[in-house]
Amino acid sequence: MSFPSTDILYPTDSAELEAVIGDALANHRSLEIVCGGSKRALGQAITTDQIVSLSELTGITLYEPEELVLTARAGTPLAEIEAALEEHNQQLAFEPPDWGPLLGTEMAQSLGGIVATNLAGPRRFQAGAVRDHVLGVSMVTGRGEAVKTGGRVVKNVTGYDLCKLISGSYGTLAVATDITVKVLPVGEKTRTVLIAGLDEADTVSVMTKALSSSYDVSAAAFLPCDLTAKSGVSYVSGAASSITAIRVEGPGPSVEARCLALRELLGAHGDVEELHFHNSHRFWQEIGNVSPFVEEAGQVWRVSVPPSEAAALVQKIQNVCDAEFYFDWGGGQIWLRLAGDHNDGGAKFVRKAIKNGGGHATLIRASEDVRSCVEVFQPQANGVKALNHRVKQGFDPGNILNPGRMELLIGTVSDAD
């Protein structure tokens, strides 16, 4: 069977998805794979012959709170999963961010989209990435073959751990239909220690001191003075100075003791304040969702560097262009907003700045025209690129699944034919 190019296909199970992909492979037709559609503006801009939506593949098929495991179909809205977990005081520990407002979309996030893009929030450096929480995946490859990898517990993951390979592949290798993730209890209490008035270099030193302490810090971020006023948390917006934030979570007595210890450890560096549960939750949502840049135009970059390089890198970029920034992951992740229009999205400034620092940069928000002609992801070394191409060939020999989403291509599958 074949489909008109104007149709959006909505498979309702794995068998239908196999048929769709098999038909596309036989007829040399490229497919754009979407779940909720909230992340279509991530990655390289692509043009395909057909859109395949997984929005009909929904529902939680297994949830065992006592075993800390949940299985859901790929198109299941993330809000539905989080609501089910909340009833049992559990959570997705990788703290998935919502970039919909940043990317200008109101589409709902799905489990499949979060796994495909491997997006994690401020807790990532402690809890790990999405791929570290995926236990099993049922999927259909670009060969039109159904594959199941992993299981319901970590010890079932033997041989090649394909769950980690699929996570972060942006739907270019295979299309997930069912995903099993491990979940964790929500901490009884959450508190955030705020230190006011630090500069970029001092804040990295302070965050490093907190992270290397024995106080089990679960998040560390820095907002410069020009961004604190945009926060919806009054303690932050009213600070009239930069804010360095250190979060601790867990049992009540432990959190209180660790907060007190952190205040004593860091108090000499500036005025100290403390956010409790609800304000903490709101603040870290703002950090993970990149809320400081939502209302402002301009290209947005996510840069990963060794924390010791963060302050110098920001200075390099601000010396050559108008840029705002803040730090997450203790300075290991820098969010940048470049004001004005840059034909290359500001790539020449950002990539030159990180060239000798051992970091990498991803263009998160830019126009479709920019994402069509600029490498969105950090350019890879030739050896890594060759390896990725071999993996792609193994899973999707016809290059029909989201072709070009993760690299610039000359033409599409159809053009090549």
Protein backbone atom coordinates (compact mmCIF):
# COMPACT_ATOMS: atom_id res chain seq x y z
CA MET A 1 0.00 0.00 0.00
CA SER A 2 1.08 3.61 -0.56
CA PHE A 3 -0.07 6.89 0.90
CA PRO A 4 -0.58 10.40 -0.49
CA SER A 5 2.22 12.75 0.57
CA THR A 6 -0.29 15.14 2.17
CA ASP A 7 -1.54 12.58 4.68
CA ILE A 8 -0.39 12.24 8.27
CA LEU A 9 -0.38 8.60 9.24
CA TYR A 10 -1.50 7.53 12.72
CA PRO A 11 -0.54 3.90 13.39
CA THR A 12 -2.33 2.44 16.39
CA ASP A 13 -0.04 -0.52 17.09
CA SER A 14 3.31 -2.01 16.21
CA ALA A 15 1.93 -4.04 13.30
CA GLU A 16 0.55 -0.95 11.59
CA LEU A 17 3.81 0.89 12.16
CA GLU A 18 5.76 -2.02 10.64
CA ALA A 19 3.52 -1.83 7.57
CA VAL A 20 4.00 1.94 7.24
CA ILE A 21 7.79 1.74 7.51
CA GLY A 22 7.99 -1.32 5.26
CA ASP A 23 5.96 0.45 2.59
CA ALA A 24 8.10 3.58 2.84
CA LEU A 25 11.28 1.50 2.52
CA ALA A 26 9.97 -0.35 -0.54
CA ASN A 27 8.90 2.88 -2.23
CA HIS A 28 11.92 5.01 -1.21
CA ARG A 29 9.78 7.44 0.76
CA SER A 30 11.18 9.40 3.68
CA LEU A 31 9.26 9.67 6.98
CA GLU A 32 9.20 12.34 9.65
CA ILE A 33 8.45 10.65 12.97
CA VAL A 34 6.66 12.70 15.61
CA CYS A 35 5.00 11.89 18.93
CA GLY A 36 3.33 14.90 20.50
CA GLY A 37 5.06 17.25 18.09
CA SER A 38 6.44 19.53 20.80
CA LYS A 39 10.06 19.01 19.64
CA ARG A 40 9.77 19.29 15.87
CA ALA A 41 11.77 22.53 16.04
CA LEU A 42 14.77 20.73 17.58
CA GLY A 43 17.61 19.51 15.41
CA GLN A 44 18.21 20.17 11.74
CA ALA A 45 15.19 21.30 9.74
CA ILE A 46 14.05 18.45 7.48
CA THR A 47 11.64 17.87 4.62
CA THR A 48 10.13 14.41 4.12
CA ASP A 49 7.53 12.70 1.96
CA GLN A 50 5.31 11.68 4.88
CA ILE A 51 4.63 12.45 8.51
CA VAL A 52 4.01 9.57 10.90
CA SER A 53 2.43 10.55 14.21
CA LEU A 54 2.56 8.27 17.25
CA SER A 55 -0.18 10.23 19.00
CA GLU A 56 -2.52 7.21 18.83
CA LEU A 57 0.01 4.97 20.56
CA THR A 58 -0.95 6.04 24.06
CA GLY A 59 -1.57 4.62 27.51
CA ILE A 60 0.27 3.33 30.55
CA THR A 61 0.38 -0.43 30.10
CA LEU A 62 2.20 -1.33 33.32
CA TYR A 63 2.90 0.51 36.54
CA GLU A 64 4.21 -1.24 39.64
CA PRO A 65 4.93 1.43 42.25
CA GLU A 66 6.48 -1.04 44.66
CA GLU A 67 8.91 -2.17 41.92
CA LEU A 68 9.63 1.40 40.77
CA VAL A 69 8.89 0.55 37.15
CA LEU A 70 6.47 1.95 34.56
CA THR A 71 5.76 1.01 30.94
CA ALA A 72 3.86 3.27 28.56
CA ARG A 73 3.31 3.57 24.84
CA ALA A 74 5.50 6.13 23.11
CA GLY A 75 2.78 8.68 22.40
CA THR A 76 1.56 8.81 26.00
CA PRO A 77 1.45 12.43 27.18
CA LEU A 78 4.10 13.11 29.78
CA ALA A 79 1.49 14.88 31.91
CA GLU A 80 -0.50 11.64 32.15
CA ILE A 81 2.58 9.73 33.32
CA GLU A 82 3.55 12.38 35.86
CA ALA A 83 -0.01 12.45 37.23
CA ALA A 84 0.03 8.67 37.74
CA LEU A 85 3.40 8.88 39.47
CA GLU A 86 2.28 11.75 41.69
CA GLU A 87 -0.50 9.59 43.13
CA HIS A 88 2.22 7.34 44.56
CA ASN A 89 4.63 10.15 45.45
CA GLN A 90 7.03 9.07 42.70
CA GLN A 91 8.73 10.85 39.83
CA LEU A 92 10.88 10.62 36.73
CA ALA A 93 14.15 11.37 38.46
CA PHE A 94 15.79 12.86 35.35
CA GLU A 95 13.41 15.83 35.73
CA PRO A 96 12.27 16.23 32.09
CA PRO A 97 12.13 19.89 31.06
CA ASP A 98 9.36 21.46 28.99
CA TRP A 99 10.84 23.50 26.15
CA GLY A 100 7.50 24.07 24.43
CA PRO A 101 7.29 27.77 25.42
CA LEU A 102 10.94 28.29 24.43
CA LEU A 103 10.32 26.73 21.01
CA GLY A 104 7.00 28.50 20.54
CA THR A 105 4.72 25.48 20.59
CA GLU A 106 1.77 24.47 22.76
CA MET A 107 1.93 20.81 21.75
CA ALA A 108 1.99 18.35 24.64
CA GLN A 109 5.15 16.44 25.47
CA SER A 110 5.17 12.66 25.18
CA LEU A 111 7.30 9.93 26.70
CA GLY A 112 8.61 8.95 23.28
CA GLY A 113 9.70 12.50 22.51
CA ILE A 114 11.58 12.84 25.78
CA VAL A 115 13.41 9.55 25.22
CA ALA A 116 14.15 10.30 21.56
CA THR A 117 15.78 13.62 22.47
CA ASN A 118 17.30 12.46 25.80
CA LEU A 119 16.30 15.68 27.55
CA ALA A 120 16.93 15.96 31.29
CA GLY A 121 16.68 18.83 33.73
CA PRO A 122 18.79 20.32 36.55
CA ARG A 123 19.08 16.99 38.42
CA ARG A 124 20.90 15.31 35.55
CA PHE A 125 24.42 15.54 36.97
CA GLN A 126 23.20 13.65 40.05
CA ALA A 127 20.47 11.34 38.70
CA GLY A 128 21.78 10.77 35.18
CA ALA A 129 20.32 11.32 31.73
CA VAL A 130 17.08 9.89 30.35
CA ARG A 131 18.98 6.96 28.83
CA ASP A 132 20.13 5.96 32.33
CA HIS A 133 16.50 5.41 33.35
CA VAL A 134 15.23 3.53 30.29
CA LEU A 135 15.03 -0.20 31.05
CA GLY A 136 13.39 -1.50 27.90
CA VAL A 137 12.13 -0.42 24.48
CA SER A 138 9.94 -2.08 21.89
CA MET A 139 10.55 -0.48 18.50
CA VAL A 140 10.38 -0.80 14.73
CA THR A 141 13.62 -0.20 12.84
CA GLY A 142 14.06 1.48 9.47
CA ARG A 143 14.12 -2.05 8.03
CA GLY A 144 10.50 -2.46 9.06
CA GLU A 145 11.46 -5.03 11.72
CA ALA A 146 10.01 -5.13 15.24
CA VAL A 147 12.69 -5.35 17.93
CA LYS A 148 12.49 -5.56 21.70
CA THR A 149 15.49 -4.68 23.85
CA GLY A 150 16.05 -4.54 27.60
CA GLY A 151 13.45 -5.53 30.14
CA ARG A 152 11.64 -4.45 33.31
CA VAL A 153 14.68 -4.51 35.60
CA VAL A 154 18.31 -3.46 35.17
CA LYS A 155 19.64 -7.03 35.46
CA ASN A 156 17.66 -8.01 32.33
CA VAL A 157 19.75 -5.68 30.18
CA THR A 158 22.33 -8.04 28.70
CA GLY A 159 24.45 -7.82 25.57
CA TYR A 160 24.26 -4.55 23.65
CA ASP A 161 22.30 -1.97 25.60
CA LEU A 162 20.26 -0.64 22.68
CA CYS A 163 18.09 1.42 25.04
CA LYS A 164 20.98 3.83 25.47
CA LEU A 165 21.57 3.93 21.73
CA ILE A 166 17.94 4.76 20.91
CA SER A 167 17.75 7.44 23.62
CA GLY A 168 18.92 10.67 22.05
CA SER A 169 18.80 9.35 18.45
CA TYR A 170 15.97 11.75 17.51
CA GLY A 171 14.02 8.98 15.80
CA THR A 172 16.72 8.43 13.18
CA LEU A 173 17.41 4.76 13.97
CA ALA A 174 14.10 3.23 14.99
CA VAL A 175 10.62 4.21 16.13
CA ALA A 176 9.78 3.30 19.72
CA THR A 177 6.31 1.92 20.39
CA ASP A 178 6.57 0.97 24.09
CA ILE A 179 9.05 2.24 26.67
CA THR A 180 9.83 0.98 30.17
CA VAL A 181 11.44 3.38 32.64
CA LYS A 182 12.49 3.16 36.24
CA VAL A 183 10.93 5.72 38.58
CA LEU A 184 11.97 6.95 42.02
CA PRO A 185 10.30 8.36 45.14
CA VAL A 186 9.91 12.12 45.48
CA GLY A 187 12.01 13.57 48.27
CA GLU A 188 10.05 14.40 51.42
CA LYS A 189 11.47 17.91 51.41
CA THR A 190 13.19 20.18 48.92
CA ARG A 191 15.13 23.30 49.85
CA THR A 192 17.37 25.65 47.89
CA VAL A 193 20.13 27.76 49.38
CA LEU A 194 20.56 31.10 47.58
CA ILE A 195 23.76 33.15 47.67
CA ALA A 196 23.45 36.70 46.34
CA GLY A 197 25.93 38.91 44.54
CA LEU A 198 28.57 36.54 43.15
CA ASP A 199 30.25 37.08 39.79
CA GLU A 200 30.73 34.35 37.18
CA ALA A 201 34.12 33.16 38.39
CA ASP A 202 33.21 33.18 42.08
CA THR A 203 29.94 31.34 41.52
CA VAL A 204 31.70 28.45 39.77
CA SER A 205 34.04 28.17 42.75
CA VAL A 206 31.11 28.20 45.18
CA MET A 207 29.08 25.66 43.20
CA THR A 208 32.11 23.40 42.95
CA LYS A 209 32.62 23.63 46.71
CA ALA A 210 28.97 22.66 47.30
CA LEU A 211 29.03 19.82 44.76
CA SER A 212 32.24 18.36 46.15
CA SER A 213 30.91 18.44 49.70
CA SER A 214 29.21 15.50 51.42
CA TYR A 215 25.81 17.24 51.38
CA ASP A 216 24.37 15.41 48.33
CA VAL A 217 23.46 18.47 46.27
CA SER A 218 20.89 17.70 43.54
CA ALA A 219 21.11 20.94 41.53
CA ALA A 220 23.35 24.00 41.24
CA ALA A 221 22.71 27.03 39.03
CA PHE A 222 23.65 30.68 38.58
CA LEU A 223 21.50 33.55 37.31
CA PRO A 224 23.22 36.88 36.63
CA CYS A 225 21.57 40.07 37.83
CA ASP A 226 19.89 40.90 34.51
CA LEU A 227 18.00 37.58 34.53
CA THR A 228 16.93 37.28 38.18
CA ALA A 229 14.23 39.92 37.68
CA LYS A 230 12.47 37.58 35.20
CA SER A 231 11.88 34.87 37.81
CA GLY A 232 8.42 34.16 39.15
CA VAL A 233 9.92 33.49 42.59
CA SER A 234 9.84 36.69 44.63
CA TYR A 235 13.00 35.95 46.61
CA VAL A 236 14.86 35.70 43.31
CA SER A 237 13.21 38.51 41.32
CA GLY A 238 13.56 40.90 44.26
CA ALA A 239 17.22 40.18 44.88
CA ALA A 240 18.50 43.00 42.63
CA SER A 241 21.71 40.98 42.24
CA SER A 242 22.98 37.73 40.81
CA ILE A 243 21.78 34.50 42.45
CA THR A 244 23.66 31.26 42.97
CA ALA A 245 21.29 28.41 43.85
CA ILE A 246 22.12 25.08 45.53
CA ARG A 247 19.37 22.46 45.97
CA VAL A 248 19.09 19.55 48.42
CA GLU A 249 16.31 16.95 48.56
CA GLY A 250 15.34 13.98 50.68
CA PRO A 251 14.03 13.13 54.18
CA GLY A 252 13.05 16.19 56.23
CA PRO A 253 15.65 16.03 59.02
CA SER A 254 18.42 15.30 56.54
CA VAL A 255 17.46 18.22 54.28
CA GLU A 256 17.32 20.62 57.22
CA ALA A 257 20.74 19.49 58.47
CA ARG A 258 22.33 19.70 55.03
CA CYS A 259 20.84 23.15 54.36
CA LEU A 260 22.23 24.42 57.65
CA ALA A 261 25.64 22.97 56.81
CA LEU A 262 25.61 24.54 53.34
CA ARG A 263 24.66 27.91 54.76
CA GLU A 264 27.61 27.71 57.11
CA LEU A 265 29.92 26.50 54.33
CA LEU A 266 28.90 29.17 51.81
CA GLY A 267 27.73 32.06 53.98
CA ALA A 268 31.05 33.86 53.83
CA HIS A 269 30.65 34.33 50.07
CA GLY A 270 27.52 36.53 50.21
CA ASP A 271 24.06 37.08 51.64
CA VAL A 272 22.26 33.75 52.07
CA GLU A 273 18.53 33.04 51.73
CA GLU A 274 16.56 29.81 51.51
CA LEU A 275 13.67 28.60 49.32
CA HIS A 276 11.34 25.92 50.62
CA PHE A 277 9.39 23.29 48.70
CA HIS A 278 7.00 25.20 46.38
CA ASN A 279 9.33 28.09 45.61
CA SER A 280 12.17 25.63 45.04
CA HIS A 281 10.03 23.61 42.66
CA ARG A 282 9.07 26.70 40.67
CA PHE A 283 12.61 28.03 40.51
CA TRP A 284 14.11 24.79 39.20
CA GLN A 285 11.31 24.44 36.66
CA GLU A 286 12.32 27.86 35.35
CA ILE A 287 15.95 26.77 35.12
CA GLY A 288 15.15 23.49 33.33
CA ASN A 289 12.57 25.04 30.99
CA VAL A 290 14.94 27.89 30.01
CA SER A 291 12.23 30.31 31.12
CA PRO A 292 14.56 33.37 31.29
CA PHE A 293 14.79 33.33 27.47
CA VAL A 294 11.20 32.47 26.55
CA GLU A 295 9.96 36.04 26.12
CA GLU A 296 13.09 37.32 24.38
CA ALA A 297 13.87 36.94 20.68
CA GLY A 298 17.19 35.59 19.49
CA GLN A 299 19.02 32.32 18.97
CA VAL A 300 19.42 30.06 22.01
CA TRP A 301 22.40 27.74 22.50
CA ARG A 302 23.12 25.03 25.05
CA VAL A 303 26.85 24.70 25.69
CA SER A 304 28.55 21.98 27.73
CA VAL A 305 32.02 22.68 29.05
CA PRO A 306 34.15 21.80 32.07
CA PRO A 307 32.84 24.12 34.83
CA SER A 308 36.29 25.65 35.20
CA GLU A 309 35.96 27.01 31.64
CA ALA A 310 32.45 28.46 31.99
CA ALA A 311 33.24 32.02 33.10
CA ALA A 312 35.98 32.54 30.51
CA LEU A 313 33.86 31.12 27.72
CA VAL A 314 30.96 33.45 28.46
CA GLN A 315 33.34 36.40 28.49
CA LYS A 316 34.74 35.41 25.08
CA ILE A 317 31.27 35.32 23.56
CA GLN A 318 30.12 38.57 25.16
CA ASN A 319 33.26 40.28 23.82
CA VAL A 320 32.10 39.67 20.24
CA CYS A 321 28.29 39.72 20.39
CA ASP A 322 25.32 40.74 22.51
CA ALA A 323 24.59 37.69 24.65
CA GLU A 324 22.76 36.73 27.85
CA PHE A 325 23.60 33.59 29.79
CA TYR A 326 23.05 31.50 32.89
CA PHE A 327 24.71 28.40 34.30
CA ASP A 328 23.18 25.02 35.20
CA TRP A 329 24.75 21.70 36.29
CA GLY A 330 27.23 23.52 38.52
CA GLY A 331 28.59 25.45 35.54
CA GLY A 332 28.87 22.41 33.29
CA GLN A 333 25.95 23.59 31.18
CA ILE A 334 25.67 27.15 29.89
CA TRP A 335 22.51 28.59 28.36
CA LEU A 336 23.15 31.42 25.90
CA ARG A 337 20.79 33.79 24.14
CA LEU A 338 22.33 35.73 21.27
CA ALA A 339 20.43 38.93 20.53
CA GLY A 340 19.92 40.12 16.96
CA ASP A 341 19.79 38.18 13.71
CA HIS A 342 22.72 35.96 12.81
CA ASN A 343 22.66 34.16 9.48
CA ASP A 344 24.51 31.27 11.06
CA GLY A 345 22.67 31.46 14.38
CA GLY A 346 25.86 32.78 15.96
CA ALA A 347 27.70 29.53 15.31
CA LYS A 348 30.98 31.23 14.36
CA PHE A 349 31.07 33.02 17.73
CA VAL A 350 30.00 30.09 19.89
CA ARG A 351 32.05 27.36 18.24
CA LYS A 352 35.17 29.50 18.07
CA ALA A 353 34.82 30.23 21.80
CA ILE A 354 34.68 26.54 22.75
CA LYS A 355 37.23 25.32 20.21
CA ASN A 356 40.09 24.86 22.66
CA GLY A 357 38.08 24.19 25.81
CA GLY A 358 36.93 20.65 25.21
CA GLY A 359 33.23 21.51 25.13
CA HIS A 360 30.38 21.17 22.67
CA ALA A 361 27.46 23.38 21.67
CA THR A 362 23.95 22.71 20.36
CA LEU A 363 21.74 25.29 18.69
CA ILE A 364 18.39 24.84 20.46
CA ARG A 365 16.28 27.70 19.11
CA ALA A 366 16.64 29.26 15.69
CA SER A 367 14.54 29.80 12.58
CA GLU A 368 13.94 26.94 10.16
CA ASP A 369 16.07 28.74 7.57
CA VAL A 370 19.03 28.83 9.96
CA ARG A 371 18.55 25.20 10.99
CA SER A 372 18.54 24.23 7.31
CA CYS A 373 22.02 25.56 6.60
CA VAL A 374 23.92 25.44 9.93
CA GLU A 375 25.07 22.37 11.84
CA VAL A 376 22.78 22.38 14.86
CA PHE A 377 24.75 19.74 16.75
CA GLN A 378 28.45 19.92 17.50
CA PRO A 379 30.39 18.78 14.40
CA GLN A 380 31.83 15.31 14.95
CA ALA A 381 35.34 14.03 14.42
CA ASN A 382 35.64 11.96 11.24
CA GLY A 383 35.99 8.68 13.12
CA VAL A 384 32.88 9.28 15.22
CA LYS A 385 30.93 10.41 12.16
CA ALA A 386 31.90 7.26 10.27
CA LEU A 387 30.83 5.09 13.22
CA ASN A 388 27.47 6.87 13.44
CA HIS A 389 26.89 6.35 9.74
CA ARG A 390 27.55 2.62 10.12
CA VAL A 391 25.07 2.44 13.01
CA LYS A 392 22.51 4.35 10.94
CA GLN A 393 23.08 1.98 8.02
CA GLY A 394 22.50 -1.01 10.29
CA PHE A 395 19.20 0.24 11.65
CA ASP A 396 17.91 2.29 8.71
CA PRO A 397 19.67 1.31 5.48
CA GLY A 398 17.23 3.27 3.33
CA ASN A 399 17.74 6.47 5.37
CA ILE A 400 13.98 6.92 5.61
CA LEU A 401 13.57 7.78 9.32
CA ASN A 402 13.93 11.51 10.08
CA PRO A 403 16.71 11.81 7.47
CA GLY A 404 19.00 14.72 8.26
CA ARG A 405 17.54 15.47 11.71
CA MET A 406 20.97 15.09 13.32
CA GLU A 407 23.25 16.21 10.47
CA LEU A 408 23.21 18.41 7.40
CA LEU A 409 22.36 16.46 4.26
CA ILE A 410 22.65 17.36 0.60
CA GLY A 411 19.14 16.65 -0.54
CA THR A 412 16.64 14.13 0.82
CA VAL A 413 15.98 10.44 0.21
CA SER A 414 13.66 11.35 -2.65
CA ASP A 415 16.23 13.69 -4.20
CA ALA A 416 18.82 10.92 -4.13
CA ASP A 417 16.47 8.61 -6.00
